[in-house]
């Protein structure tokens, strides 16, 4: 393996660095984008039970904000629960945009890696072919070893660049889809909170 890396030339260094960074991002995002971590089940129900029992104080809101991305969104809504439905929705939407930005963290970097890795491989191909034609110009075609070295460098860097780019692009698309799905789930849960709080308040106003 080390001999192959050496044969690929100096452009193998940035390609290997891209592969290490991509692997770290993929591992971190797999851990951070777990549905149970981002959108815990029945969180709205738990919050509503605290509201009904008058146990929702500042301590509970702070704990909710630090629990998960959905918790931060719901906490923003709870801070405005005594305002109108529109004001509460606006606060939830703003918190939701911030939460989505957090879910998308490092994805642009992963997308950049998937784009530049094949270009680095292509650059290695160009350098390898330059080496081949330079050898032909100086020595003619009588030294197959020099020619083979240049062609080998060209093929190795191309293969390495594609090996990094293909899985990086696959995971980038996968994580983008997962972020969209999680954002939709958070929006649905946030709207549930608005409806239960303001629905209960409106029902109480009618009864009164």
Protein backbone atom coordinates (compact mmCIF):
# COMPACT_ATOMS: atom_id res chain seq x y z
CA UNK A 1 0.00 0.00 0.00
CA UNK A 2 2.80 2.42 0.90
CA UNK A 3 4.51 1.71 -2.42
CA UNK A 4 1.30 2.60 -4.26
CA UNK A 5 1.01 5.86 -2.36
CA UNK A 6 4.61 6.75 -3.15
CA UNK A 7 4.10 5.84 -6.81
CA UNK A 8 1.12 8.21 -6.95
CA UNK A 9 3.33 11.19 -6.29
CA UNK A 10 2.91 14.21 -4.05
CA UNK A 11 -0.75 14.73 -4.97
CA UNK A 12 -1.58 11.61 -2.96
CA UNK A 13 -0.97 13.69 0.18
CA UNK A 14 -3.96 16.07 -0.23
CA UNK A 15 -6.11 13.18 -1.45
CA UNK A 16 -5.29 11.16 1.69
CA UNK A 17 -5.96 14.22 3.87
CA UNK A 18 -9.35 14.62 2.16
CA UNK A 19 -10.16 10.98 2.86
CA UNK A 20 -9.30 11.32 6.57
CA UNK A 21 -11.38 14.50 6.92
CA UNK A 22 -14.32 12.93 5.04
CA UNK A 23 -14.20 9.85 7.28
CA UNK A 24 -14.20 12.01 10.41
CA UNK A 25 -17.16 14.08 9.17
CA UNK A 26 -19.17 10.98 8.22
CA UNK A 27 -18.60 9.41 11.64
CA UNK A 28 -19.50 12.61 13.49
CA UNK A 29 -22.67 13.21 11.45
CA UNK A 30 -23.85 9.61 11.80
CA UNK A 31 -23.61 10.05 15.58
CA UNK A 32 -25.11 13.56 15.68
CA UNK A 33 -28.01 13.01 13.27
CA UNK A 34 -29.57 10.07 15.09
CA UNK A 35 -33.32 10.61 15.18
CA UNK A 36 -33.51 9.76 18.88
CA UNK A 37 -30.94 12.50 19.58
CA UNK A 38 -32.45 15.18 17.34
CA UNK A 39 -36.20 14.50 17.72
CA UNK A 40 -36.77 12.56 20.96
CA UNK A 41 -40.04 10.68 21.02
CA UNK A 42 -43.05 12.12 22.90
CA UNK A 43 -41.13 15.26 23.91
CA UNK A 44 -44.11 17.49 23.13
CA UNK A 45 -46.32 15.29 25.30
CA UNK A 46 -43.89 15.56 28.20
CA UNK A 47 -43.73 19.33 27.86
CA UNK A 48 -47.51 19.58 27.74
CA UNK A 49 -47.85 17.50 30.90
CA UNK A 50 -45.47 19.89 32.67
CA UNK A 51 -47.56 22.84 31.43
CA UNK A 52 -50.83 21.32 32.64
CA UNK A 53 -49.41 20.55 36.06
CA UNK A 54 -47.86 24.04 36.38
CA UNK A 55 -44.39 22.50 36.78
CA UNK A 56 -42.81 24.25 33.80
CA UNK A 57 -40.39 26.78 35.26
CA UNK A 58 -37.16 28.36 34.09
CA UNK A 59 -35.15 25.34 35.26
CA UNK A 60 -37.24 22.98 33.14
CA UNK A 61 -37.01 25.27 30.09
CA UNK A 62 -33.22 25.47 30.41
CA UNK A 63 -32.99 21.69 30.69
CA UNK A 64 -35.26 21.33 27.67
CA UNK A 65 -33.12 23.75 25.62
CA UNK A 66 -29.97 21.74 26.30
CA UNK A 67 -31.55 18.33 25.71
CA UNK A 68 -31.79 18.22 21.90
CA UNK A 69 -32.30 20.37 18.78
CA UNK A 70 -36.05 19.83 19.07
CA UNK A 71 -35.83 20.81 22.74
CA UNK A 72 -34.19 24.11 21.77
CA UNK A 73 -36.99 24.81 19.31
CA UNK A 74 -39.70 24.00 21.83
CA UNK A 75 -37.99 26.06 24.53
CA UNK A 76 -38.03 29.09 22.22
CA UNK A 77 -41.77 28.61 21.76
CA UNK A 78 -42.41 28.18 25.47
CA UNK A 79 -40.71 31.48 26.22
CA UNK A 80 -43.40 33.10 24.04
CA UNK A 81 -46.33 30.89 25.02
CA UNK A 82 -48.19 33.78 26.62
CA UNK A 83 -48.07 35.82 23.42
CA UNK A 84 -50.27 35.36 20.37
CA UNK A 85 -50.21 32.26 18.18
CA UNK A 86 -48.37 34.21 15.44
CA UNK A 87 -45.63 35.43 17.79
CA UNK A 88 -45.12 31.93 19.16
CA UNK A 89 -44.90 30.49 15.63
CA UNK A 90 -42.34 33.11 14.60
CA UNK A 91 -40.14 32.27 17.58
CA UNK A 92 -40.38 28.56 16.75
CA UNK A 93 -39.50 29.20 13.10
CA UNK A 94 -36.45 31.27 14.03
CA UNK A 95 -35.23 28.61 16.47
CA UNK A 96 -35.94 25.95 13.84
CA UNK A 97 -33.74 27.71 11.27
CA UNK A 98 -30.90 27.82 13.78
CA UNK A 99 -31.38 24.15 14.61
CA UNK A 100 -31.28 23.19 10.93
CA UNK A 101 -28.04 25.12 10.50
CA UNK A 102 -26.57 23.06 13.31
CA UNK A 103 -27.78 19.83 11.68
CA UNK A 104 -26.09 20.88 8.43
CA UNK A 105 -22.74 21.48 10.14
CA UNK A 106 -19.75 20.12 8.17
CA UNK A 107 -21.95 19.05 5.22
CA UNK A 108 -20.59 21.81 2.98
CA UNK A 109 -17.08 20.59 3.77
CA UNK A 110 -18.07 17.03 2.86
CA UNK A 111 -19.61 18.26 -0.40
CA UNK A 112 -16.43 20.19 -1.19
CA UNK A 113 -14.33 17.07 -0.63
CA UNK A 114 -16.55 15.09 -2.99
CA UNK A 115 -15.99 17.80 -5.63
CA UNK A 116 -12.26 18.44 -5.31
CA UNK A 117 -11.05 14.85 -4.84
CA UNK A 118 -11.60 13.80 -8.48
CA UNK A 119 -10.08 17.12 -9.59
CA UNK A 120 -6.97 16.35 -7.56
CA UNK A 121 -6.89 12.92 -9.20
CA UNK A 122 -7.25 14.54 -12.61
CA UNK A 123 -4.43 16.93 -11.79
CA UNK A 124 -2.27 13.95 -10.91
CA UNK A 125 -3.19 12.40 -14.25
CA UNK A 126 -2.06 15.55 -16.05
CA UNK A 127 1.25 15.62 -14.17
CA UNK A 128 1.78 11.93 -14.89
CA UNK A 129 1.18 12.39 -18.61
CA UNK A 130 3.46 15.44 -18.63
CA UNK A 131 6.15 13.22 -17.14
CA UNK A 132 5.54 10.60 -19.82
CA UNK A 133 5.78 13.06 -22.71
CA UNK A 134 8.82 14.74 -21.18
CA UNK A 135 10.54 11.36 -20.99
CA UNK A 136 9.61 10.63 -24.61
CA UNK A 137 10.99 14.01 -25.70
CA UNK A 138 14.30 13.50 -23.89
CA UNK A 139 14.89 9.74 -24.17
CA UNK A 140 12.53 8.63 -26.91
CA UNK A 141 10.43 5.52 -26.45
CA UNK A 142 13.32 3.23 -25.65
CA UNK A 143 12.95 3.39 -21.85
CA UNK A 144 9.67 1.69 -20.93
CA UNK A 145 10.41 2.01 -17.19
CA UNK A 146 10.18 5.80 -17.26
CA UNK A 147 7.04 5.69 -19.36
CA UNK A 148 5.43 3.14 -17.06
CA UNK A 149 6.24 5.29 -14.01
CA UNK A 150 4.44 8.32 -15.44
CA UNK A 151 1.43 6.31 -16.55
CA UNK A 152 1.28 4.57 -13.17
CA UNK A 153 1.30 7.92 -11.36
CA UNK A 154 -1.52 9.15 -13.58
CA UNK A 155 -3.72 6.10 -12.98
CA UNK A 156 -3.06 5.86 -9.23
CA UNK A 157 -4.01 9.48 -8.50
CA UNK A 158 -7.15 9.19 -10.63
CA UNK A 159 -8.23 6.03 -8.86
CA UNK A 160 -7.46 7.50 -5.42
CA UNK A 161 -9.40 10.68 -6.15
CA UNK A 162 -12.46 8.74 -7.29
CA UNK A 163 -12.20 6.37 -4.32
CA UNK A 164 -12.52 9.36 -1.98
CA UNK A 165 -15.08 11.30 -4.04
CA UNK A 166 -17.67 8.57 -4.65
CA UNK A 167 -18.43 7.63 -1.00
CA UNK A 168 -18.14 11.30 0.06
CA UNK A 169 -20.80 12.29 -2.46
CA UNK A 170 -23.04 9.37 -1.42
CA UNK A 171 -22.87 10.34 2.27
CA UNK A 172 -23.32 14.03 1.43
CA UNK A 173 -26.58 13.28 -0.40
CA UNK A 174 -27.69 10.91 2.36
CA UNK A 175 -27.08 13.45 5.12
CA UNK A 176 -28.83 16.20 3.14
CA UNK A 177 -31.92 14.04 2.84
CA UNK A 178 -31.77 13.12 6.52
CA UNK A 179 -31.49 16.77 7.59
CA UNK A 180 -34.54 17.64 5.47
CA UNK A 181 -36.52 14.79 7.05
CA UNK A 182 -35.48 15.78 10.59
CA UNK A 183 -36.33 19.43 9.90
CA UNK A 184 -39.80 18.38 8.80
CA UNK A 185 -40.25 16.29 11.95
CA UNK A 186 -39.19 19.21 14.15
CA UNK A 187 -41.63 21.50 12.36
CA UNK A 188 -44.46 19.03 12.90
CA UNK A 189 -43.66 18.66 16.60
CA UNK A 190 -43.36 22.43 17.07
CA UNK A 191 -46.78 22.99 15.46
CA UNK A 192 -48.25 20.38 17.80
CA UNK A 193 -47.00 22.43 20.75
CA UNK A 194 -48.58 25.59 19.34
CA UNK A 195 -51.90 23.84 18.81
CA UNK A 196 -52.12 22.21 22.23
CA UNK A 197 -51.19 25.40 24.08
CA UNK A 198 -53.32 27.86 22.11
CA UNK A 199 -56.10 25.35 21.55
CA UNK A 200 -56.38 24.85 25.29
CA UNK A 201 -56.27 28.60 25.88
CA UNK A 202 -58.95 29.29 23.28
CA UNK A 203 -61.14 26.53 24.69
CA UNK A 204 -60.77 28.09 28.13
CA UNK A 205 -61.68 31.52 26.79
CA UNK A 206 -64.84 30.12 25.17
CA UNK A 207 -65.81 28.32 28.36
CA UNK A 208 -65.23 31.44 30.38
